[in-house]
mmCIF file of all heavy atoms, coordinates in Angstrom:
data_MODEL
# 
_entry.id   MODEL 
# 
loop_
_atom_site.group_PDB 
_atom_site.id 
_atom_site.type_symbol 
_atom_site.label_atom_id 
_atom_site.label_alt_id 
_atom_site.label_comp_id 
_atom_site.label_asym_id 
_atom_site.label_entity_id 
_atom_site.label_seq_id 
_atom_site.pdbx_PDB_ins_code 
_atom_site.Cartn_x 
_atom_site.Cartn_y 
_atom_site.Cartn_z 
_atom_site.occupancy 
_atom_site.B_iso_or_equiv 
_atom_site.pdbx_formal_charge 
_atom_site.auth_seq_id 
_atom_site.auth_comp_id 
_atom_site.auth_asym_id 
_atom_site.auth_atom_id 
_atom_site.pdbx_PDB_model_num 
ATOM 1   N N   . ILE A 1 1  ? 4.220  -10.656 -28.061 1.00 0.00 ? 1  ILE A N   1 
ATOM 2   C CA  . ILE A 1 1  ? 4.472  -9.403  -27.527 1.00 0.00 ? 1  ILE A CA  1 
ATOM 3   C C   . ILE A 1 1  ? 3.099  -8.680  -27.554 1.00 0.00 ? 1  ILE A C   1 
ATOM 4   O O   . ILE A 1 1  ? 2.412  -8.703  -28.472 1.00 0.00 ? 1  ILE A O   1 
ATOM 5   C CB  . ILE A 1 1  ? 5.578  -8.676  -28.324 1.00 0.00 ? 1  ILE A CB  1 
ATOM 6   C CG1 . ILE A 1 1  ? 5.960  -7.427  -27.563 1.00 0.00 ? 1  ILE A CG1 1 
ATOM 7   C CG2 . ILE A 1 1  ? 5.103  -8.364  -29.717 1.00 0.00 ? 1  ILE A CG2 1 
ATOM 8   C CD1 . ILE A 1 1  ? 7.134  -6.690  -28.203 1.00 0.00 ? 1  ILE A CD1 1 
ATOM 9   N N   . ASP A 1 2  ? 2.781  -8.009  -26.360 1.00 0.00 ? 2  ASP A N   1 
ATOM 10  C CA  . ASP A 1 2  ? 1.601  -7.294  -26.293 1.00 0.00 ? 2  ASP A CA  1 
ATOM 11  C C   . ASP A 1 2  ? 1.857  -5.778  -26.526 1.00 0.00 ? 2  ASP A C   1 
ATOM 12  O O   . ASP A 1 2  ? 2.907  -5.399  -26.711 1.00 0.00 ? 2  ASP A O   1 
ATOM 13  C CB  . ASP A 1 2  ? 0.931  -7.517  -24.986 1.00 0.00 ? 2  ASP A CB  1 
ATOM 14  C CG  . ASP A 1 2  ? 1.723  -7.032  -23.765 1.00 0.00 ? 2  ASP A CG  1 
ATOM 15  O OD1 . ASP A 1 2  ? 2.491  -6.087  -23.904 1.00 0.00 ? 2  ASP A OD1 1 
ATOM 16  O OD2 . ASP A 1 2  ? 1.639  -7.632  -22.646 1.00 0.00 ? 2  ASP A OD2 1 
ATOM 17  N N   . SER A 1 3  ? 0.712  -5.003  -26.458 1.00 0.00 ? 3  SER A N   1 
ATOM 18  C CA  . SER A 1 3  ? 0.766  -3.546  -26.836 1.00 0.00 ? 3  SER A CA  1 
ATOM 19  C C   . SER A 1 3  ? 1.567  -2.823  -25.930 1.00 0.00 ? 3  SER A C   1 
ATOM 20  O O   . SER A 1 3  ? 2.112  -1.704  -26.233 1.00 0.00 ? 3  SER A O   1 
ATOM 21  C CB  . SER A 1 3  ? -0.564 -3.092  -27.008 1.00 0.00 ? 3  SER A CB  1 
ATOM 22  O OG  . SER A 1 3  ? -1.293 -3.239  -25.827 1.00 0.00 ? 3  SER A OG  1 
ATOM 23  N N   . SER A 1 4  ? 1.969  -3.371  -24.614 1.00 0.00 ? 4  SER A N   1 
ATOM 24  C CA  . SER A 1 4  ? 2.693  -2.577  -23.784 1.00 0.00 ? 4  SER A CA  1 
ATOM 25  C C   . SER A 1 4  ? 4.246  -2.986  -23.778 1.00 0.00 ? 4  SER A C   1 
ATOM 26  O O   . SER A 1 4  ? 5.051  -2.605  -22.982 1.00 0.00 ? 4  SER A O   1 
ATOM 27  C CB  . SER A 1 4  ? 2.107  -2.934  -22.320 1.00 0.00 ? 4  SER A CB  1 
ATOM 28  O OG  . SER A 1 4  ? 0.884  -2.487  -22.197 1.00 0.00 ? 4  SER A OG  1 
ATOM 29  N N   . GLY A 1 5  ? 4.579  -3.872  -24.696 1.00 0.00 ? 5  GLY A N   1 
ATOM 30  C CA  . GLY A 1 5  ? 5.816  -4.487  -24.897 1.00 0.00 ? 5  GLY A CA  1 
ATOM 31  C C   . GLY A 1 5  ? 6.178  -5.729  -23.944 1.00 0.00 ? 5  GLY A C   1 
ATOM 32  O O   . GLY A 1 5  ? 7.282  -6.137  -24.036 1.00 0.00 ? 5  GLY A O   1 
ATOM 33  N N   . GLY A 1 6  ? 5.244  -6.207  -23.316 1.00 0.00 ? 6  GLY A N   1 
ATOM 34  C CA  . GLY A 1 6  ? 5.323  -7.392  -22.498 1.00 0.00 ? 6  GLY A CA  1 
ATOM 35  C C   . GLY A 1 6  ? 5.559  -8.523  -23.392 1.00 0.00 ? 6  GLY A C   1 
ATOM 36  O O   . GLY A 1 6  ? 4.835  -8.577  -24.398 1.00 0.00 ? 6  GLY A O   1 
ATOM 37  N N   . THR A 1 7  ? 6.440  -9.567  -23.171 1.00 0.00 ? 7  THR A N   1 
ATOM 38  C CA  . THR A 1 7  ? 6.716  -10.715 -23.853 1.00 0.00 ? 7  THR A CA  1 
ATOM 39  C C   . THR A 1 7  ? 6.421  -11.976 -23.089 1.00 0.00 ? 7  THR A C   1 
ATOM 40  O O   . THR A 1 7  ? 6.626  -12.045 -21.889 1.00 0.00 ? 7  THR A O   1 
ATOM 41  C CB  . THR A 1 7  ? 8.100  -10.632 -24.443 1.00 0.00 ? 7  THR A CB  1 
ATOM 42  O OG1 . THR A 1 7  ? 8.950  -10.589 -23.426 1.00 0.00 ? 7  THR A OG1 1 
ATOM 43  C CG2 . THR A 1 7  ? 8.337  -9.527  -25.550 1.00 0.00 ? 7  THR A CG2 1 
ATOM 44  N N   . SER A 1 8  ? 6.172  -13.114 -23.822 1.00 0.00 ? 8  SER A N   1 
ATOM 45  C CA  . SER A 1 8  ? 6.113  -14.424 -23.276 1.00 0.00 ? 8  SER A CA  1 
ATOM 46  C C   . SER A 1 8  ? 6.441  -15.411 -24.312 1.00 0.00 ? 8  SER A C   1 
ATOM 47  O O   . SER A 1 8  ? 6.369  -15.073 -25.513 1.00 0.00 ? 8  SER A O   1 
ATOM 48  C CB  . SER A 1 8  ? 4.739  -14.669 -22.802 1.00 0.00 ? 8  SER A CB  1 
ATOM 49  O OG  . SER A 1 8  ? 3.750  -14.580 -23.857 1.00 0.00 ? 8  SER A OG  1 
ATOM 50  N N   . TYR A 1 9  ? 7.135  -16.538 -23.899 1.00 0.00 ? 9  TYR A N   1 
ATOM 51  C CA  . TYR A 1 9  ? 7.802  -17.374 -24.884 1.00 0.00 ? 9  TYR A CA  1 
ATOM 52  C C   . TYR A 1 9  ? 7.359  -18.859 -24.574 1.00 0.00 ? 9  TYR A C   1 
ATOM 53  O O   . TYR A 1 9  ? 7.163  -19.093 -23.341 1.00 0.00 ? 9  TYR A O   1 
ATOM 54  C CB  . TYR A 1 9  ? 9.172  -17.229 -24.879 1.00 0.00 ? 9  TYR A CB  1 
ATOM 55  C CG  . TYR A 1 9  ? 9.691  -15.837 -25.173 1.00 0.00 ? 9  TYR A CG  1 
ATOM 56  C CD1 . TYR A 1 9  ? 9.970  -14.904 -24.176 1.00 0.00 ? 9  TYR A CD1 1 
ATOM 57  C CD2 . TYR A 1 9  ? 9.906  -15.543 -26.515 1.00 0.00 ? 9  TYR A CD2 1 
ATOM 58  C CE1 . TYR A 1 9  ? 10.465 -13.602 -24.526 1.00 0.00 ? 9  TYR A CE1 1 
ATOM 59  C CE2 . TYR A 1 9  ? 10.390 -14.282 -26.912 1.00 0.00 ? 9  TYR A CE2 1 
ATOM 60  C CZ  . TYR A 1 9  ? 10.601 -13.293 -25.879 1.00 0.00 ? 9  TYR A CZ  1 
ATOM 61  O OH  . TYR A 1 9  ? 11.158 -12.135 -26.275 1.00 0.00 ? 9  TYR A OH  1 
ATOM 62  N N   . GLY A 1 10 ? 7.300  -19.617 -25.536 1.00 0.00 ? 10 GLY A N   1 
ATOM 63  C CA  . GLY A 1 10 ? 7.118  -21.023 -25.252 1.00 0.00 ? 10 GLY A CA  1 
ATOM 64  C C   . GLY A 1 10 ? 8.504  -21.626 -24.880 1.00 0.00 ? 10 GLY A C   1 
ATOM 65  O O   . GLY A 1 10 ? 9.541  -20.956 -24.921 1.00 0.00 ? 10 GLY A O   1 
ATOM 66  N N   . ASP A 1 11 ? 8.375  -22.781 -24.270 1.00 0.00 ? 11 ASP A N   1 
ATOM 67  C CA  . ASP A 1 11 ? 9.547  -23.415 -23.749 1.00 0.00 ? 11 ASP A CA  1 
ATOM 68  C C   . ASP A 1 11 ? 10.748 -23.579 -24.822 1.00 0.00 ? 11 ASP A C   1 
ATOM 69  O O   . ASP A 1 11 ? 11.933 -23.397 -24.392 1.00 0.00 ? 11 ASP A O   1 
ATOM 70  C CB  . ASP A 1 11 ? 9.138  -24.765 -23.235 1.00 0.00 ? 11 ASP A CB  1 
ATOM 71  C CG  . ASP A 1 11 ? 8.346  -24.742 -21.944 1.00 0.00 ? 11 ASP A CG  1 
ATOM 72  O OD1 . ASP A 1 11 ? 8.186  -23.744 -21.327 1.00 0.00 ? 11 ASP A OD1 1 
ATOM 73  O OD2 . ASP A 1 11 ? 7.572  -25.764 -21.689 1.00 0.00 ? 11 ASP A OD2 1 
ATOM 74  N N   . SER A 1 12 ? 10.451 -23.790 -25.868 1.00 0.00 ? 12 SER A N   1 
ATOM 75  C CA  . SER A 1 12 ? 11.481 -24.061 -26.997 1.00 0.00 ? 12 SER A CA  1 
ATOM 76  C C   . SER A 1 12 ? 12.410 -22.628 -27.273 1.00 0.00 ? 12 SER A C   1 
ATOM 77  O O   . SER A 1 12 ? 13.439 -22.690 -27.771 1.00 0.00 ? 12 SER A O   1 
ATOM 78  C CB  . SER A 1 12 ? 10.981 -24.555 -28.280 1.00 0.00 ? 12 SER A CB  1 
ATOM 79  O OG  . SER A 1 12 ? 10.065 -23.686 -28.753 1.00 0.00 ? 12 SER A OG  1 
ATOM 80  N N   . ALA A 1 13 ? 11.522 -21.689 -26.912 1.00 0.00 ? 13 ALA A N   1 
ATOM 81  C CA  . ALA A 1 13 ? 12.280 -20.348 -27.339 1.00 0.00 ? 13 ALA A CA  1 
ATOM 82  C C   . ALA A 1 13 ? 12.907 -19.553 -26.055 1.00 0.00 ? 13 ALA A C   1 
ATOM 83  O O   . ALA A 1 13 ? 13.735 -18.685 -26.286 1.00 0.00 ? 13 ALA A O   1 
ATOM 84  C CB  . ALA A 1 13 ? 11.117 -19.371 -27.832 1.00 0.00 ? 13 ALA A CB  1 
ATOM 85  N N   . LYS A 1 14 ? 12.485 -20.002 -24.927 1.00 0.00 ? 14 LYS A N   1 
ATOM 86  C CA  . LYS A 1 14 ? 12.963 -19.237 -23.682 1.00 0.00 ? 14 LYS A CA  1 
ATOM 87  C C   . LYS A 1 14 ? 14.653 -19.251 -23.649 1.00 0.00 ? 14 LYS A C   1 
ATOM 88  O O   . LYS A 1 14 ? 15.080 -20.338 -23.799 1.00 0.00 ? 14 LYS A O   1 
ATOM 89  C CB  . LYS A 1 14 ? 12.399 -19.823 -22.436 1.00 0.00 ? 14 LYS A CB  1 
ATOM 90  C CG  . LYS A 1 14 ? 10.889 -19.633 -22.261 1.00 0.00 ? 14 LYS A CG  1 
ATOM 91  C CD  . LYS A 1 14 ? 10.424 -20.295 -21.000 1.00 0.00 ? 14 LYS A CD  1 
ATOM 92  C CE  . LYS A 1 14 ? 8.854  -20.045 -20.774 1.00 0.00 ? 14 LYS A CE  1 
ATOM 93  N NZ  . LYS A 1 14 ? 8.380  -20.704 -19.599 1.00 0.00 ? 14 LYS A NZ  1 
ATOM 94  N N   . GLY A 1 15 ? 15.060 -18.074 -23.392 1.00 0.00 ? 15 GLY A N   1 
ATOM 95  C CA  . GLY A 1 15 ? 16.447 -17.985 -23.396 1.00 0.00 ? 15 GLY A CA  1 
ATOM 96  C C   . GLY A 1 15 ? 17.245 -17.857 -24.600 1.00 0.00 ? 15 GLY A C   1 
ATOM 97  O O   . GLY A 1 15 ? 18.454 -17.535 -24.630 1.00 0.00 ? 15 GLY A O   1 
ATOM 98  N N   . ARG A 1 16 ? 16.595 -18.127 -25.705 1.00 0.00 ? 16 ARG A N   1 
ATOM 99  C CA  . ARG A 1 16 ? 17.322 -18.154 -26.964 1.00 0.00 ? 16 ARG A CA  1 
ATOM 100 C C   . ARG A 1 16 ? 16.735 -17.188 -28.024 1.00 0.00 ? 16 ARG A C   1 
ATOM 101 O O   . ARG A 1 16 ? 17.394 -16.579 -28.793 1.00 0.00 ? 16 ARG A O   1 
ATOM 102 C CB  . ARG A 1 16 ? 17.198 -19.522 -27.611 1.00 0.00 ? 16 ARG A CB  1 
ATOM 103 C CG  . ARG A 1 16 ? 18.059 -20.593 -26.742 1.00 0.00 ? 16 ARG A CG  1 
ATOM 104 C CD  . ARG A 1 16 ? 18.161 -21.826 -27.584 1.00 0.00 ? 16 ARG A CD  1 
ATOM 105 N NE  . ARG A 1 16 ? 16.854 -22.479 -27.950 1.00 0.00 ? 16 ARG A NE  1 
ATOM 106 C CZ  . ARG A 1 16 ? 16.585 -22.710 -29.275 1.00 0.00 ? 16 ARG A CZ  1 
ATOM 107 N NH1 . ARG A 1 16 ? 17.434 -22.656 -30.205 1.00 0.00 ? 16 ARG A NH1 1 
ATOM 108 N NH2 . ARG A 1 16 ? 15.288 -23.272 -29.551 1.00 0.00 ? 16 ARG A NH2 1 
ATOM 109 N N   . PHE A 1 17 ? 15.421 -17.013 -27.847 1.00 0.00 ? 17 PHE A N   1 
ATOM 110 C CA  . PHE A 1 17 ? 14.640 -15.987 -28.884 1.00 0.00 ? 17 PHE A CA  1 
ATOM 111 C C   . PHE A 1 17 ? 14.181 -14.846 -28.156 1.00 0.00 ? 17 PHE A C   1 
ATOM 112 O O   . PHE A 1 17 ? 13.794 -14.830 -26.995 1.00 0.00 ? 17 PHE A O   1 
ATOM 113 C CB  . PHE A 1 17 ? 13.489 -16.830 -29.458 1.00 0.00 ? 17 PHE A CB  1 
ATOM 114 C CG  . PHE A 1 17 ? 13.761 -18.003 -30.249 1.00 0.00 ? 17 PHE A CG  1 
ATOM 115 C CD1 . PHE A 1 17 ? 15.151 -18.353 -30.451 1.00 0.00 ? 17 PHE A CD1 1 
ATOM 116 C CD2 . PHE A 1 17 ? 12.702 -18.720 -30.825 1.00 0.00 ? 17 PHE A CD2 1 
ATOM 117 C CE1 . PHE A 1 17 ? 15.475 -19.499 -31.258 1.00 0.00 ? 17 PHE A CE1 1 
ATOM 118 C CE2 . PHE A 1 17 ? 13.041 -19.826 -31.734 1.00 0.00 ? 17 PHE A CE2 1 
ATOM 119 C CZ  . PHE A 1 17 ? 14.431 -20.252 -31.784 1.00 0.00 ? 17 PHE A CZ  1 
ATOM 120 N N   . THR A 1 18 ? 14.166 -13.736 -28.921 1.00 0.00 ? 18 THR A N   1 
ATOM 121 C CA  . THR A 1 18 ? 13.630 -12.493 -28.404 1.00 0.00 ? 18 THR A CA  1 
ATOM 122 C C   . THR A 1 18 ? 12.670 -11.817 -29.446 1.00 0.00 ? 18 THR A C   1 
ATOM 123 O O   . THR A 1 18 ? 13.050 -11.687 -30.549 1.00 0.00 ? 18 THR A O   1 
ATOM 124 C CB  . THR A 1 18 ? 14.814 -11.523 -28.051 1.00 0.00 ? 18 THR A CB  1 
ATOM 125 O OG1 . THR A 1 18 ? 15.663 -12.087 -27.245 1.00 0.00 ? 18 THR A OG1 1 
ATOM 126 C CG2 . THR A 1 18 ? 14.180 -10.156 -27.440 1.00 0.00 ? 18 THR A CG2 1 
ATOM 127 N N   . ILE A 1 19 ? 11.497 -11.435 -28.969 1.00 0.00 ? 19 ILE A N   1 
ATOM 128 C CA  . ILE A 1 19 ? 10.562 -10.836 -29.829 1.00 0.00 ? 19 ILE A CA  1 
ATOM 129 C C   . ILE A 1 19 ? 10.529 -9.343  -29.557 1.00 0.00 ? 19 ILE A C   1 
ATOM 130 O O   . ILE A 1 19 ? 10.636 -8.910  -28.386 1.00 0.00 ? 19 ILE A O   1 
ATOM 131 C CB  . ILE A 1 19 ? 9.092  -11.336 -29.531 1.00 0.00 ? 19 ILE A CB  1 
ATOM 132 C CG1 . ILE A 1 19 ? 9.062  -12.855 -30.018 1.00 0.00 ? 19 ILE A CG1 1 
ATOM 133 C CG2 . ILE A 1 19 ? 8.098  -10.551 -30.277 1.00 0.00 ? 19 ILE A CG2 1 
ATOM 134 C CD1 . ILE A 1 19 ? 7.720  -13.533 -29.654 1.00 0.00 ? 19 ILE A CD1 1 
ATOM 135 N N   . SER A 1 20 ? 10.467 -8.520  -30.577 1.00 0.00 ? 20 SER A N   1 
ATOM 136 C CA  . SER A 1 20 ? 10.368 -7.064  -30.518 1.00 0.00 ? 20 SER A CA  1 
ATOM 137 C C   . SER A 1 20 ? 9.578  -6.501  -31.541 1.00 0.00 ? 20 SER A C   1 
ATOM 138 O O   . SER A 1 20 ? 9.242  -7.170  -32.555 1.00 0.00 ? 20 SER A O   1 
ATOM 139 C CB  . SER A 1 20 ? 11.843 -6.486  -30.291 1.00 0.00 ? 20 SER A CB  1 
ATOM 140 O OG  . SER A 1 20 ? 12.556 -6.658  -31.559 1.00 0.00 ? 20 SER A OG  1 
ATOM 141 N N   . THR A 1 21 ? 9.251  -5.192  -31.380 1.00 0.00 ? 21 THR A N   1 
ATOM 142 C CA  . THR A 1 21 ? 8.618  -4.458  -32.480 1.00 0.00 ? 21 THR A CA  1 
ATOM 143 C C   . THR A 1 21 ? 9.256  -3.046  -32.674 1.00 0.00 ? 21 THR A C   1 
ATOM 144 O O   . THR A 1 21 ? 9.870  -2.584  -31.864 1.00 0.00 ? 21 THR A O   1 
ATOM 145 C CB  . THR A 1 21 ? 7.121  -4.227  -32.142 1.00 0.00 ? 21 THR A CB  1 
ATOM 146 O OG1 . THR A 1 21 ? 7.043  -3.474  -30.927 1.00 0.00 ? 21 THR A OG1 1 
ATOM 147 C CG2 . THR A 1 21 ? 6.415  -5.454  -31.998 1.00 0.00 ? 21 THR A CG2 1 
ATOM 148 N N   . ASP A 1 22 ? 9.217  -2.618  -33.877 1.00 0.00 ? 22 ASP A N   1 
ATOM 149 C CA  . ASP A 1 22 ? 9.432  -1.285  -34.264 1.00 0.00 ? 22 ASP A CA  1 
ATOM 150 C C   . ASP A 1 22 ? 8.304  -0.612  -34.722 1.00 0.00 ? 22 ASP A C   1 
ATOM 151 O O   . ASP A 1 22 ? 7.774  -0.833  -35.891 1.00 0.00 ? 22 ASP A O   1 
ATOM 152 C CB  . ASP A 1 22 ? 10.630 -1.280  -35.349 1.00 0.00 ? 22 ASP A CB  1 
ATOM 153 C CG  . ASP A 1 22 ? 11.075 0.125   -35.694 1.00 0.00 ? 22 ASP A CG  1 
ATOM 154 O OD1 . ASP A 1 22 ? 10.265 1.158   -35.562 1.00 0.00 ? 22 ASP A OD1 1 
ATOM 155 O OD2 . ASP A 1 22 ? 12.279 0.352   -35.971 1.00 0.00 ? 22 ASP A OD2 1 
ATOM 156 N N   . ASN A 1 23 ? 7.622  0.201   -33.861 1.00 0.00 ? 23 ASN A N   1 
ATOM 157 C CA  . ASN A 1 23 ? 6.394  0.703   -34.184 1.00 0.00 ? 23 ASN A CA  1 
ATOM 158 C C   . ASN A 1 23 ? 6.424  1.793   -35.375 1.00 0.00 ? 23 ASN A C   1 
ATOM 159 O O   . ASN A 1 23 ? 5.443  1.941   -36.215 1.00 0.00 ? 23 ASN A O   1 
ATOM 160 C CB  . ASN A 1 23 ? 5.777  1.430   -33.128 1.00 0.00 ? 23 ASN A CB  1 
ATOM 161 C CG  . ASN A 1 23 ? 5.316  0.376   -31.958 1.00 0.00 ? 23 ASN A CG  1 
ATOM 162 O OD1 . ASN A 1 23 ? 5.039  -0.765  -32.223 1.00 0.00 ? 23 ASN A OD1 1 
ATOM 163 N ND2 . ASN A 1 23 ? 5.492  0.812   -30.712 1.00 0.00 ? 23 ASN A ND2 1 
ATOM 164 N N   . ASP A 1 24 ? 7.574  2.376   -35.501 1.00 0.00 ? 24 ASP A N   1 
ATOM 165 C CA  . ASP A 1 24 ? 7.739  3.356   -36.645 1.00 0.00 ? 24 ASP A CA  1 
ATOM 166 C C   . ASP A 1 24 ? 7.792  2.728   -37.887 1.00 0.00 ? 24 ASP A C   1 
ATOM 167 O O   . ASP A 1 24 ? 7.414  3.241   -38.927 1.00 0.00 ? 24 ASP A O   1 
ATOM 168 C CB  . ASP A 1 24 ? 9.056  4.160   -36.454 1.00 0.00 ? 24 ASP A CB  1 
ATOM 169 C CG  . ASP A 1 24 ? 8.948  5.138   -35.206 1.00 0.00 ? 24 ASP A CG  1 
ATOM 170 O OD1 . ASP A 1 24 ? 7.797  5.524   -34.908 1.00 0.00 ? 24 ASP A OD1 1 
ATOM 171 O OD2 . ASP A 1 24 ? 9.950  5.513   -34.686 1.00 0.00 ? 24 ASP A OD2 1 
# 
């Protein structure tokens, strides 16, 4: 996940895993 909230995933994670952040 980048500083703008954009995400990218490896093939094994696509469709099943989600990355997120809580900046607070």
